[in-house]
Amino acid sequence: MSKIAYVFPGQGSQAVGMGRDLDEASPRWVDANAALGFDLRRLCFDGPEADLTLTANTQPAILTASIVVLDALLAAGRRFDFVAGHSLGEYSALVAAGALDFADAVRTVRARGQFMQEAVAPGEGAMAAIIGLDRSLVLQACDEAGAAGVVQVANLNAPGQTVIAGAVAAVKRAVELARAKGAKRALPLPVSAPFHSVLMEPAAARLQEVLRTLRIGDLRAPLVTNVDADLLTDGGRVADALVRQVTAPVRWEEVVARLVKEGVGTFVEVGPGRVLSGLIRRIAPEARVLNVEDRASLAATLAALDGDEPRE
């Protein structure tokens, strides 16, 4: 029987109302509010959207909404063999695997969001998606644009989908070069900072200090890391992977490929949106891809998993 991986979304999957339909009375909302000192539940359910999309709010919001979904799956008796998460989603995955306490994770990603936002002054950093261009040519475009400032690959999301990040002028130049090299699309992303680039080094240093204060246990299920696309079960290695992740590319295509290599045949996206589901279908078209974000998708996923043996 093929194995099951639970995968957790990152920033960009947020939407006002997330989590309300599934379990608006979940104790996770109470715990998150207590950990943060403000009403995250109300922000998630009612907005305003402008506040929800602030990085320091978005990160704990998506993590909490994802763990509410996880709780519903576990309550239904569904288990998993592996976990992974895209950027921020790696923290949700670590909570799922029992390595991180939920309240600690909520506070940490709140701080992570603040550190990332403060690492680069507003208007100085940018990100862009390059669609339909071979990765070697994307790297070439970044190299050629380097005279204008820092620009590098930030997300290796799927075949033909790469995200770059860096200084505004350099990203703009790399976008122009990518178009000239034949990219189907090359467009700026509406983000407030150049995530997963060396410009995030100040954020990485501050995050390291926070992570040193946390108790991080061994994982009950292996995590495939963003930074190395390698299996991780040792809690002593978690902080290093999370710190390096801030300035390094998210190797999502390799993460999914590694999970397939480990025998995963079913991926369940746990949390708001279906961004990862679309990427996984492109990376591993032979895999079964499901998602849970509300009652309807929970029912559909449980029905699809009917007959699979629950895993502890």
C-alpha atoms as a PDB file:
ATOM      1  CA  MET A   1       0.000   0.000   0.000  1.00  0.00           C
ATOM      2  CA  SER A   2       1.340   3.432  -0.888  1.00  0.00           C
ATOM      3  CA  LYS A   3       2.242   5.841   1.870  1.00  0.00           C
ATOM      4  CA  ILE A   4       0.561   9.126   2.754  1.00  0.00           C
ATOM      5  CA  ALA A   5       2.209  12.539   3.115  1.00  0.00           C
ATOM      6  CA  TYR A   6       0.507  15.523   4.715  1.00  0.00           C
ATOM      7  CA  VAL A   7       1.776  18.750   3.164  1.00  0.00           C
ATOM      8  CA  PHE A   8       1.181  22.218   4.569  1.00  0.00           C
ATOM      9  CA  PRO A   9       0.823  25.493   2.619  1.00  0.00           C
ATOM     10  CA  GLY A  10       2.843  28.644   3.031  1.00  0.00           C
ATOM     11  CA  GLN A  11       2.266  32.353   2.700  1.00  0.00           C
ATOM     12  CA  GLY A  12      -0.056  33.334  -0.132  1.00  0.00           C
ATOM     13  CA  SER A  13      -2.715  30.730   0.692  1.00  0.00           C
ATOM     14  CA  GLN A  14      -4.492  32.948   3.210  1.00  0.00           C
ATOM     15  CA  ALA A  15      -8.077  34.106   2.672  1.00  0.00           C
ATOM     16  CA  VAL A  16     -10.541  35.896   4.931  1.00  0.00           C
ATOM     17  CA  GLY A  17     -12.880  33.266   6.380  1.00  0.00           C
ATOM     18  CA  MET A  18     -10.358  30.422   6.406  1.00  0.00           C
ATOM     19  CA  GLY A  19     -11.089  27.854   9.082  1.00  0.00           C
ATOM     20  CA  ARG A  20     -14.555  29.131   9.947  1.00  0.00           C
ATOM     21  CA  ASP A  21     -16.513  26.497   8.019  1.00  0.00           C
ATOM     22  CA  LEU A  22     -14.499  23.576   9.349  1.00  0.00           C
ATOM     23  CA  ASP A  23     -14.354  24.324  13.069  1.00  0.00           C
ATOM     24  CA  GLU A  24     -14.845  27.871  14.250  1.00  0.00           C
ATOM     25  CA  ALA A  25     -14.990  26.654  17.859  1.00  0.00           C
ATOM     26  CA  SER A  26     -11.649  24.825  17.733  1.00  0.00           C
ATOM     27  CA  PRO A  27      -9.571  25.304  20.902  1.00  0.00           C
ATOM     28  CA  ARG A  28      -6.629  26.051  18.595  1.00  0.00           C
ATOM     29  CA  TRP A  29      -8.045  29.537  18.038  1.00  0.00           C
ATOM     30  CA  VAL A  30      -8.206  30.121  21.791  1.00  0.00           C
ATOM     31  CA  ASP A  31      -4.650  28.866  22.220  1.00  0.00           C
ATOM     32  CA  ALA A  32      -3.392  31.027  19.346  1.00  0.00           C
ATOM     33  CA  ASN A  33      -5.110  34.125  20.722  1.00  0.00           C
ATOM     34  CA  ALA A  34      -3.527  33.496  24.123  1.00  0.00           C
ATOM     35  CA  ALA A  35      -0.083  32.940  22.606  1.00  0.00           C
ATOM     36  CA  LEU A  36      -0.216  36.108  20.509  1.00  0.00           C
ATOM     37  CA  GLY A  37      -2.149  38.462  22.768  1.00  0.00           C
ATOM     38  CA  PHE A  38      -4.658  39.492  20.097  1.00  0.00           C
ATOM     39  CA  ASP A  39      -7.733  38.017  18.403  1.00  0.00           C
ATOM     40  CA  LEU A  40      -6.249  36.019  15.528  1.00  0.00           C
ATOM     41  CA  ARG A  41      -9.501  34.082  15.175  1.00  0.00           C
ATOM     42  CA  ARG A  42     -11.482  37.220  14.410  1.00  0.00           C
ATOM     43  CA  LEU A  43      -8.820  38.428  11.974  1.00  0.00           C
ATOM     44  CA  CYS A  44      -8.952  35.101  10.094  1.00  0.00           C
ATOM     45  CA  PHE A  45     -12.738  34.948  10.018  1.00  0.00           C
ATOM     46  CA  ASP A  46     -13.608  38.606   9.438  1.00  0.00           C
ATOM     47  CA  GLY A  47     -10.490  40.379   8.193  1.00  0.00           C
ATOM     48  CA  PRO A  48      -9.840  43.049   7.148  1.00  0.00           C
ATOM     49  CA  GLU A  49      -7.882  41.448   4.330  1.00  0.00           C
ATOM     50  CA  ALA A  50      -5.228  44.178   4.435  1.00  0.00           C
ATOM     51  CA  ASP A  51      -4.379  43.210   8.023  1.00  0.00           C
ATOM     52  CA  LEU A  52      -4.515  39.482   7.333  1.00  0.00           C
ATOM     53  CA  THR A  53      -1.990  39.848   4.507  1.00  0.00           C
ATOM     54  CA  LEU A  54       0.591  41.557   6.732  1.00  0.00           C
ATOM     55  CA  THR A  55       3.419  39.031   6.958  1.00  0.00           C
ATOM     56  CA  ALA A  56       3.531  38.985  10.749  1.00  0.00           C
ATOM     57  CA  ASN A  57      -0.206  38.186  10.839  1.00  0.00           C
ATOM     58  CA  THR A  58      -0.360  35.898   7.815  1.00  0.00           C
ATOM     59  CA  GLN A  59       2.161  33.411   9.141  1.00  0.00           C
ATOM     60  CA  PRO A  60       0.452  32.541  12.467  1.00  0.00           C
ATOM     61  CA  ALA A  61      -2.938  32.709  10.733  1.00  0.00           C
ATOM     62  CA  ILE A  62      -2.071  30.086   8.106  1.00  0.00           C
ATOM     63  CA  LEU A  63      -0.335  27.890  10.665  1.00  0.00           C
ATOM     64  CA  THR A  64      -3.351  27.942  12.992  1.00  0.00           C
ATOM     65  CA  ALA A  65      -5.852  27.329  10.197  1.00  0.00           C
ATOM     66  CA  SER A  66      -3.715  24.413   9.002  1.00  0.00           C
ATOM     67  CA  ILE A  67      -3.553  22.791  12.433  1.00  0.00           C
ATOM     68  CA  VAL A  68      -7.334  23.129  12.808  1.00  0.00           C
ATOM     69  CA  VAL A  69      -7.604  21.109   9.586  1.00  0.00           C
ATOM     70  CA  LEU A  70      -5.041  18.598  10.845  1.00  0.00           C
ATOM     71  CA  ASP A  71      -7.065  18.088  14.022  1.00  0.00           C
ATOM     72  CA  ALA A  72     -10.158  17.289  11.956  1.00  0.00           C
ATOM     73  CA  LEU A  73      -8.261  14.664   9.958  1.00  0.00           C
ATOM     74  CA  LEU A  74      -6.789  13.084  13.071  1.00  0.00           C
ATOM     75  CA  ALA A  75     -10.192  13.074  14.775  1.00  0.00           C
ATOM     76  CA  ALA A  76     -11.489  11.140  11.769  1.00  0.00           C
ATOM     77  CA  GLY A  77      -8.786   8.528  12.326  1.00  0.00           C
ATOM     78  CA  ARG A  78      -6.569   9.454   9.417  1.00  0.00           C
ATOM     79  CA  ARG A  79      -2.823   9.221   9.899  1.00  0.00           C
ATOM     80  CA  PHE A  80       0.242  10.013   7.816  1.00  0.00           C
ATOM     81  CA  ASP A  81       3.652   8.571   7.099  1.00  0.00           C
ATOM     82  CA  PHE A  82       5.544  11.744   6.123  1.00  0.00           C
ATOM     83  CA  VAL A  83       5.144  15.505   6.416  1.00  0.00           C
ATOM     84  CA  ALA A  84       6.413  18.495   4.467  1.00  0.00           C
ATOM     85  CA  GLY A  85       5.550  22.169   4.210  1.00  0.00           C
ATOM     86  CA  HIS A  86       6.253  25.011   1.820  1.00  0.00           C
ATOM     87  CA  SER A  87       8.313  27.684   3.608  1.00  0.00           C
ATOM     88  CA  LEU A  88       6.069  28.741   6.526  1.00  0.00           C
ATOM     89  CA  GLY A  89       4.264  25.414   6.093  1.00  0.00           C
ATOM     90  CA  GLU A  90       7.340  23.642   7.423  1.00  0.00           C
ATOM     91  CA  TYR A  91       6.401  24.913  10.899  1.00  0.00           C
ATOM     92  CA  SER A  92       2.904  23.456  10.549  1.00  0.00           C
ATOM     93  CA  ALA A  93       4.502  20.171   9.487  1.00  0.00           C
ATOM     94  CA  LEU A  94       6.731  20.184  12.583  1.00  0.00           C
ATOM     95  CA  VAL A  95       3.693  20.706  14.812  1.00  0.00           C
ATOM     96  CA  ALA A  96       1.969  17.820  13.036  1.00  0.00           C
ATOM     97  CA  ALA A  97       5.018  15.610  13.605  1.00  0.00           C
ATOM     98  CA  GLY A  98       5.109  16.468  17.311  1.00  0.00           C
ATOM     99  CA  ALA A  99       8.443  18.279  17.233  1.00  0.00           C
ATOM    100  CA  LEU A 100       7.108  21.759  17.982  1.00  0.00           C
ATOM    101  CA  ASP A 101       4.523  22.802  20.552  1.00  0.00           C
ATOM    102  CA  PHE A 102       1.618  24.587  18.842  1.00  0.00           C
ATOM    103  CA  ALA A 103       1.777  27.752  20.973  1.00  0.00           C
ATOM    104  CA  ASP A 104       5.560  27.962  20.540  1.00  0.00           C
ATOM    105  CA  ALA A 105       5.143  27.591  16.781  1.00  0.00           C
ATOM    106  CA  VAL A 106       2.511  30.340  16.616  1.00  0.00           C
ATOM    107  CA  ARG A 107       4.707  32.774  18.533  1.00  0.00           C
ATOM    108  CA  THR A 108       7.774  31.832  16.504  1.00  0.00           C
ATOM    109  CA  VAL A 109       6.191  32.368  13.099  1.00  0.00           C
ATOM    110  CA  ARG A 110       4.738  35.668  14.298  1.00  0.00           C
ATOM    111  CA  ALA A 111       8.298  36.748  15.143  1.00  0.00           C
ATOM    112  CA  ARG A 112       9.610  35.209  11.909  1.00  0.00           C
ATOM    113  CA  GLY A 113       7.168  37.332   9.922  1.00  0.00           C
ATOM    114  CA  GLN A 114       8.222  40.471  11.746  1.00  0.00           C
ATOM    115  CA  PHE A 115      11.915  39.705  11.282  1.00  0.00           C
ATOM    116  CA  MET A 116      11.479  39.040   7.562  1.00  0.00           C
ATOM    117  CA  GLN A 117       9.477  42.233   7.081  1.00  0.00           C
ATOM    118  CA  GLU A 118      12.053  44.319   8.950  1.00  0.00           C
ATOM    119  CA  ALA A 119      15.112  42.802   7.230  1.00  0.00           C
ATOM    120  CA  VAL A 120      14.696  44.960   4.126  1.00  0.00           C
ATOM    121  CA  ALA A 121      13.299  48.484   4.026  1.00  0.00           C
ATOM    122  CA  PRO A 122       9.888  48.863   2.336  1.00  0.00           C
ATOM    123  CA  GLY A 123      10.192  49.253  -1.425  1.00  0.00           C
ATOM    124  CA  GLU A 124      13.743  47.876  -1.634  1.00  0.00           C
ATOM    125  CA  GLY A 125      12.990  44.173  -2.178  1.00  0.00           C
ATOM    126  CA  ALA A 126      10.894  42.258  -4.690  1.00  0.00           C
ATOM    127  CA  MET A 127       9.975  38.795  -5.942  1.00  0.00           C
ATOM    128  CA  ALA A 128       8.815  37.563  -9.339  1.00  0.00           C
ATOM    129  CA  ALA A 129       7.516  34.324 -10.837  1.00  0.00           C
ATOM    130  CA  ILE A 130       9.151  32.990 -13.992  1.00  0.00           C
ATOM    131  CA  ILE A 131       6.865  30.598 -15.858  1.00  0.00           C
ATOM    132  CA  GLY A 132       7.734  28.307 -18.744  1.00  0.00           C
ATOM    133  CA  LEU A 133      11.507  28.793 -18.771  1.00  0.00           C
ATOM    134  CA  ASP A 134      14.166  26.167 -18.150  1.00  0.00           C
ATOM    135  CA  ARG A 135      15.745  26.577 -14.745  1.00  0.00           C
ATOM    136  CA  SER A 136      19.243  26.948 -16.186  1.00  0.00           C
ATOM    137  CA  LEU A 137      18.045  29.967 -18.142  1.00  0.00           C
ATOM    138  CA  VAL A 138      16.428  31.458 -15.038  1.00  0.00           C
ATOM    139  CA  LEU A 139      19.753  31.118 -13.228  1.00  0.00           C
ATOM    140  CA  GLN A 140      21.462  32.697 -16.223  1.00  0.00           C
ATOM    141  CA  ALA A 141      19.044  35.638 -16.127  1.00  0.00           C
ATOM    142  CA  CYS A 142      19.784  36.141 -12.427  1.00  0.00           C
ATOM    143  CA  ASP A 143      23.534  36.032 -13.048  1.00  0.00           C
ATOM    144  CA  GLU A 144      23.275  38.565 -15.868  1.00  0.00           C
ATOM    145  CA  ALA A 145      21.086  40.869 -13.750  1.00  0.00           C
ATOM    146  CA  GLY A 146      23.520  40.742 -10.840  1.00  0.00           C
ATOM    147  CA  ALA A 147      25.130  44.040 -11.805  1.00  0.00           C
ATOM    148  CA  ALA A 148      21.893  45.748 -10.735  1.00  0.00           C
ATOM    149  CA  GLY A 149      21.960  44.158  -7.261  1.00  0.00           C
ATOM    150  CA  VAL A 150      21.171  40.922  -5.463  1.00  0.00           C
ATOM    151  CA  VAL A 151      18.797  38.568  -7.291  1.00  0.00           C
ATOM    152  CA  GLN A 152      18.558  34.801  -6.855  1.00  0.00           C
ATOM    153  CA  VAL A 153      16.268  31.821  -7.148  1.00  0.00           C
ATOM    154  CA  ALA A 154      13.919  31.703  -4.140  1.00  0.00           C
ATOM    155  CA  ASN A 155      11.413  28.929  -4.902  1.00  0.00           C
ATOM    156  CA  LEU A 156      11.926  25.883  -7.094  1.00  0.00           C
ATOM    157  CA  ASN A 157       8.228  25.136  -7.170  1.00  0.00           C
ATOM    158  CA  ALA A 158       7.618  22.809 -10.128  1.00  0.00           C
ATOM    159  CA  PRO A 159       8.862  22.142 -13.652  1.00  0.00           C
ATOM    160  CA  GLY A 160       8.692  25.454 -15.473  1.00  0.00           C
ATOM    161  CA  GLN A 161       7.798  27.454 -12.361  1.00  0.00           C
ATOM    162  CA  THR A 162      10.576  29.290 -10.543  1.00  0.00           C
ATOM    163  CA  VAL A 163      10.380  32.303  -8.233  1.00  0.00           C
ATOM    164  CA  ILE A 164      13.215  34.796  -7.910  1.00  0.00           C
ATOM    165  CA  ALA A 165      13.886  37.360  -5.178  1.00  0.00           C
ATOM    166  CA  GLY A 166      16.226  40.239  -4.473  1.00  0.00           C
ATOM    167  CA  ALA A 167      16.683  43.970  -4.856  1.00  0.00           C
ATOM    168  CA  VAL A 168      13.953  45.731  -6.850  1.00  0.00           C
ATOM    169  CA  ALA A 169      16.152  46.865  -9.730  1.00  0.00           C
ATOM    170  CA  ALA A 170      17.855  43.487 -10.062  1.00  0.00           C
ATOM    171  CA  VAL A 171      14.589  41.550 -10.021  1.00  0.00           C
ATOM    172  CA  LYS A 172      13.143  43.899 -12.634  1.00  0.00           C
ATOM    173  CA  ARG A 173      16.189  43.352 -14.855  1.00  0.00           C
ATOM    174  CA  ALA A 174      16.054  39.571 -14.375  1.00  0.00           C
ATOM    175  CA  VAL A 175      12.372  39.587 -15.381  1.00  0.00           C
ATOM    176  CA  GLU A 176      13.244  41.444 -18.589  1.00  0.00           C
ATOM    177  CA  LEU A 177      16.040  38.986 -19.342  1.00  0.00           C
ATOM    178  CA  ALA A 178      13.819  35.991 -18.623  1.00  0.00           C
ATOM    179  CA  ARG A 179      11.236  37.270 -21.073  1.00  0.00           C
ATOM    180  CA  ALA A 180      13.938  37.756 -23.678  1.00  0.00           C
ATOM    181  CA  LYS A 181      15.105  34.177 -23.101  1.00  0.00           C
ATOM    182  CA  GLY A 182      11.637  32.825 -23.857  1.00  0.00           C
ATOM    183  CA  ALA A 183       9.711  32.722 -20.578  1.00  0.00           C
ATOM    184  CA  LYS A 184       5.980  32.281 -21.182  1.00  0.00           C
ATOM    185  CA  ARG A 185       5.325  34.659 -18.310  1.00  0.00           C
ATOM    186  CA  ALA A 186       7.534  36.661 -15.974  1.00  0.00           C
ATOM    187  CA  LEU A 187       5.627  38.764 -13.523  1.00  0.00           C
ATOM    188  CA  PRO A 188       6.223  40.575 -10.223  1.00  0.00           C
ATOM    189  CA  LEU A 189       4.580  39.088  -7.133  1.00  0.00           C
ATOM    190  CA  PRO A 190       2.593  41.193  -4.647  1.00  0.00           C
ATOM    191  CA  VAL A 191       4.855  40.568  -1.665  1.00  0.00           C
ATOM    192  CA  SER A 192       6.401  42.938   0.825  1.00  0.00           C
ATOM    193  CA  ALA A 193       9.921  41.494   1.048  1.00  0.00           C
ATOM    194  CA  PRO A 194      12.425  39.358  -0.926  1.00  0.00           C
ATOM    195  CA  PHE A 195      11.877  36.088   0.931  1.00  0.00           C
ATOM    196  CA  HIS A 196      14.398  33.218   0.648  1.00  0.00           C
ATOM    197  CA  SER A 197      17.239  35.443  -0.505  1.00  0.00           C
ATOM    198  CA  VAL A 198      20.494  36.540   1.111  1.00  0.00           C
ATOM    199  CA  LEU A 199      18.814  39.861   1.872  1.00  0.00           C
ATOM    200  CA  MET A 200      16.987  37.955   4.625  1.00  0.00           C
ATOM    201  CA  GLU A 201      20.222  37.296   6.562  1.00  0.00           C
ATOM    202  CA  PRO A 202      19.287  39.743   9.363  1.00  0.00           C
ATOM    203  CA  ALA A 203      16.002  37.866   9.813  1.00  0.00           C
ATOM    204  CA  ALA A 204      17.799  34.519   9.921  1.00  0.00           C
ATOM    205  CA  ALA A 205      20.116  35.723  12.681  1.00  0.00           C
ATOM    206  CA  ARG A 206      17.203  36.994  14.798  1.00  0.00           C
ATOM    207  CA  LEU A 207      15.196  33.824  14.213  1.00  0.00           C
ATOM    208  CA  GLN A 208      18.127  31.706  15.347  1.00  0.00           C
ATOM    209  CA  GLU A 209      18.026  33.414  18.745  1.00  0.00           C
ATOM    210  CA  VAL A 210      14.310  32.657  19.124  1.00  0.00           C
ATOM    211  CA  LEU A 211      14.705  29.026  18.094  1.00  0.00           C
ATOM    212  CA  ARG A 212      17.438  28.550  20.713  1.00  0.00           C
ATOM    213  CA  THR A 213      14.849  29.185  23.415  1.00  0.00           C
ATOM    214  CA  LEU A 214      12.450  26.473  22.214  1.00  0.00           C
ATOM    215  CA  ARG A 215      12.166  22.846  23.174  1.00  0.00           C
ATOM    216  CA  ILE A 216      12.217  20.940  19.886  1.00  0.00           C
ATOM    217  CA  GLY A 217      11.594  17.208  20.084  1.00  0.00           C
ATOM    218  CA  ASP A 218      12.255  14.367  17.700  1.00  0.00           C
ATOM    219  CA  LEU A 219       9.693  13.929  14.934  1.00  0.00           C
ATOM    220  CA  ARG A 220       7.109  11.153  15.090  1.00  0.00           C
ATOM    221  CA  ALA A 221       7.028  11.096  11.282  1.00  0.00           C
ATOM    222  CA  PRO A 222       9.851  12.102   8.932  1.00  0.00           C
ATOM    223  CA  LEU A 223       9.896  15.602   7.465  1.00  0.00           C
ATOM    224  CA  VAL A 224      11.406  16.294   4.044  1.00  0.00           C
ATOM    225  CA  THR A 225      13.071  19.669   4.477  1.00  0.00           C
ATOM    226  CA  ASN A 226      12.809  22.683   2.198  1.00  0.00           C
ATOM    227  CA  VAL A 227      16.475  23.505   2.388  1.00  0.00           C
ATOM    228  CA  ASP A 228      17.988  20.072   1.654  1.00  0.00           C
ATOM    229  CA  ALA A 229      15.054  17.985   0.348  1.00  0.00           C
ATOM    230  CA  ASP A 230      16.274  15.381   2.812  1.00  0.00           C
ATOM    231  CA  LEU A 231      14.595  13.333   5.551  1.00  0.00           C
ATOM    232  CA  LEU A 232      14.678  14.795   9.047  1.00  0.00           C
ATOM    233  CA  THR A 233      13.589  13.046  12.251  1.00  0.00           C
ATOM    234  CA  ASP A 234      16.185  14.353  14.734  1.00  0.00           C
ATOM    235  CA  GLY A 235      14.860  17.291  16.731  1.00  0.00           C
ATOM    236  CA  GLY A 236      18.415  18.496  17.259  1.00  0.00           C
ATOM    237  CA  ARG A 237      18.698  19.312  13.551  1.00  0.00           C
ATOM    238  CA  VAL A 238      15.430  21.221  13.214  1.00  0.00           C
ATOM    239  CA  ALA A 239      16.566  24.709  14.229  1.00  0.00           C
ATOM    240  CA  ASP A 240      19.466  24.672  11.767  1.00  0.00           C
ATOM    241  CA  ALA A 241      17.155  23.684   8.903  1.00  0.00           C
ATOM    242  CA  LEU A 242      14.675  26.434   9.803  1.00  0.00           C
ATOM    243  CA  VAL A 243      17.370  29.107  10.024  1.00  0.00           C
ATOM    244  CA  ARG A 244      18.952  28.141   6.704  1.00  0.00           C
ATOM    245  CA  GLN A 245      15.527  28.062   5.090  1.00  0.00           C
ATOM    246  CA  VAL A 246      15.129  31.844   5.534  1.00  0.00           C
ATOM    247  CA  THR A 247      17.889  32.695   3.029  1.00  0.00           C
ATOM    248  CA  ALA A 248      17.901  29.539   0.878  1.00  0.00           C
ATOM    249  CA  PRO A 249      15.608  28.439  -1.955  1.00  0.00           C
ATOM    250  CA  VAL A 250      12.526  26.357  -1.189  1.00  0.00           C
ATOM    251  CA  ARG A 251      13.273  23.176  -3.145  1.00  0.00           C
ATOM    252  CA  TRP A 252       9.658  22.088  -3.430  1.00  0.00           C
ATOM    253  CA  GLU A 253      10.039  20.095  -6.642  1.00  0.00           C
ATOM    254  CA  GLU A 254      12.787  18.033  -5.006  1.00  0.00           C
ATOM    255  CA  VAL A 255      10.775  17.685  -1.786  1.00  0.00           C
ATOM    256  CA  VAL A 256       7.883  16.084  -3.662  1.00  0.00           C
ATOM    257  CA  ALA A 257      10.225  13.898  -5.717  1.00  0.00           C
ATOM    258  CA  ARG A 258      11.883  12.656  -2.511  1.00  0.00           C
ATOM    259  CA  LEU A 259       8.511  11.797  -0.989  1.00  0.00           C
ATOM    260  CA  VAL A 260       7.591   9.816  -4.095  1.00  0.00           C
ATOM    261  CA  LYS A 261      10.940   8.025  -3.865  1.00  0.00           C
ATOM    262  CA  GLU A 262      10.096   7.112  -0.263  1.00  0.00           C
ATOM    263  CA  GLY A 263       6.898   5.417  -1.438  1.00  0.00           C
ATOM    264  CA  VAL A 264       4.356   8.195  -1.061  1.00  0.00           C
ATOM    265  CA  GLY A 265       1.461   7.728  -3.453  1.00  0.00           C
ATOM    266  CA  THR A 266      -1.065  10.018  -1.756  1.00  0.00           C
ATOM    267  CA  PHE A 267      -0.533  13.673  -0.874  1.00  0.00           C
ATOM    268  CA  VAL A 268      -3.031  15.539   1.296  1.00  0.00           C
ATOM    269  CA  GLU A 269      -2.733  19.325   1.353  1.00  0.00           C
ATOM    270  CA  VAL A 270      -3.701  20.302   4.886  1.00  0.00           C
ATOM    271  CA  GLY A 271      -4.773  23.925   5.230  1.00  0.00           C
ATOM    272  CA  PRO A 272      -6.148  26.856   3.257  1.00  0.00           C
ATOM    273  CA  GLY A 273      -6.017  26.905  -0.529  1.00  0.00           C
ATOM    274  CA  ARG A 274      -4.868  24.416  -3.143  1.00  0.00           C
ATOM    275  CA  VAL A 275      -1.572  25.907  -4.273  1.00  0.00           C
ATOM    276  CA  LEU A 276       0.491  22.871  -3.316  1.00  0.00           C
ATOM    277  CA  SER A 277      -2.025  20.479  -4.870  1.00  0.00           C
ATOM    278  CA  GLY A 278      -1.515  22.127  -8.244  1.00  0.00           C
ATOM    279  CA  LEU A 279       2.269  22.013  -7.932  1.00  0.00           C
ATOM    280  CA  ILE A 280       2.293  18.361  -6.862  1.00  0.00           C
ATOM    281  CA  ARG A 281       0.158  17.350  -9.835  1.00  0.00           C
ATOM    282  CA  ARG A 282       2.772  18.896 -12.115  1.00  0.00           C
ATOM    283  CA  ILE A 283       5.697  17.312 -10.304  1.00  0.00           C
ATOM    284  CA  ALA A 284       4.211  13.850  -9.728  1.00  0.00           C
ATOM    285  CA  PRO A 285       1.269  13.324 -12.102  1.00  0.00           C
ATOM    286  CA  GLU A 286       1.004   9.678 -11.060  1.00  0.00           C
ATOM    287  CA  ALA A 287       0.276  10.570  -7.414  1.00  0.00           C
ATOM    288  CA  ARG A 288      -3.148  10.930  -5.835  1.00  0.00           C
ATOM    289  CA  VAL A 289      -3.550  14.522  -4.615  1.00  0.00           C
ATOM    290  CA  LEU A 290      -6.230  15.524  -2.107  1.00  0.00           C
ATOM    291  CA  ASN A 291      -6.822  18.601   0.009  1.00  0.00           C
ATOM    292  CA  VAL A 292      -8.727  19.626   3.121  1.00  0.00           C
ATOM    293  CA  GLU A 293      -9.621  23.210   3.946  1.00  0.00           C
ATOM    294  CA  ASP A 294     -13.358  23.084   4.815  1.00  0.00           C
ATOM    295  CA  ARG A 295     -16.153  20.609   5.566  1.00  0.00           C
ATOM    296  CA  ALA A 296     -16.827  19.753   1.935  1.00  0.00           C
ATOM    297  CA  SER A 297     -13.189  18.990   1.134  1.00  0.00           C
ATOM    298  CA  LEU A 298     -12.837  17.050   4.399  1.00  0.00           C
ATOM    299  CA  ALA A 299     -15.761  14.828   3.436  1.00  0.00           C
ATOM    300  CA  ALA A 300     -14.397  14.344  -0.087  1.00  0.00           C
ATOM    301  CA  THR A 301     -10.912  13.482   1.168  1.00  0.00           C
ATOM    302  CA  LEU A 302     -12.182  11.043   3.787  1.00  0.00           C
ATOM    303  CA  ALA A 303     -14.262   9.346   1.113  1.00  0.00           C
ATOM    304  CA  ALA A 304     -11.250   9.120  -1.198  1.00  0.00           C
ATOM    305  CA  LEU A 305      -9.138   7.649   1.594  1.00  0.00           C
ATOM    306  CA  ASP A 306     -11.806   5.123   2.506  1.00  0.00           C
ATOM    307  CA  GLY A 307     -10.200   1.712   2.548  1.00  0.00           C
ATOM    308  CA  ASP A 308      -6.732   2.957   3.444  1.00  0.00           C
ATOM    309  CA  GLU A 309      -5.519   1.708   6.797  1.00  0.00           C
ATOM    310  CA  PRO A 310      -5.149   4.449   9.433  1.00  0.00           C
ATOM    311  CA  ARG A 311      -1.539   4.952  10.464  1.00  0.00           C
ATOM    312  CA  GLU A 312      -0.214   5.817  13.872  1.00  0.00           C
END
